[in-house]
């Protein structure tokens, strides 16, 4: 009887080995691509951060133009400790707020950016807090009275489109302009996102259907700003309290 030959390319072993080789090849290509793109991704994040900081003082720019304008108008990057002292050995721009807020207050670093634009000085403070589904974040700038808001930017990682995600819209951001963060006695009031219409210098109109996100914005602003009070007390003659 003639023995039938077996086609090795149809065997289970060959199929299994081919699959392993393809997985390794694809993984290698993906790893190489990711590594190659890291510098570009890092630079994009840097430029977007500069864009957001500049936007709070009224400077609009695209990503490629952000570095030059940032260097022109941001005069200081300050890393502040909880007691108001300056951490001279820390790069304020490199501080990752997502990591910092997980630490104890006394261990955190609080970045502050000082800008000089059109003859006026501004203080820009990074923000980060919790929305409905995930983190919300942004920047808020104060005029040189350390009370009046010059501008604000907000973003999110997962708020509901058409509802909480509207914190990124111009109309919402612009509603913070001119609002006050301290009352007449120097007590920190922050800015509250309220339903039914804003009626004071410490309130802005809420986004319909996005109560939890709005509350998150209110809490985020007050929680972040309070950490800067010791520094501003040290640098000015203002009588400020939490």
Foldseek 3Di string as FASTA:
>chain_A
DDDDDDDPCPDPVNVVVVVVVVVVVVVVVVVVVVVVCVVVVVLQVLLVQLQQQVVQQPDHDDSVCSVVVSVVWWDDKFKAALLQDTDPVDDNSPDDVVVQVVDDRRPHIWIWIWTADPNWIKIKGKWWWAFDPGIKIWIWIDTPVNWFTNWIAIQTDDDDPPFLRCSRPPVNGVQRGGATQADPQQEGDAAAADDPQDDHSRYGHHTPPRVRRRRGVRCRRRVSVQSNVSNVVVVDVDDHDD
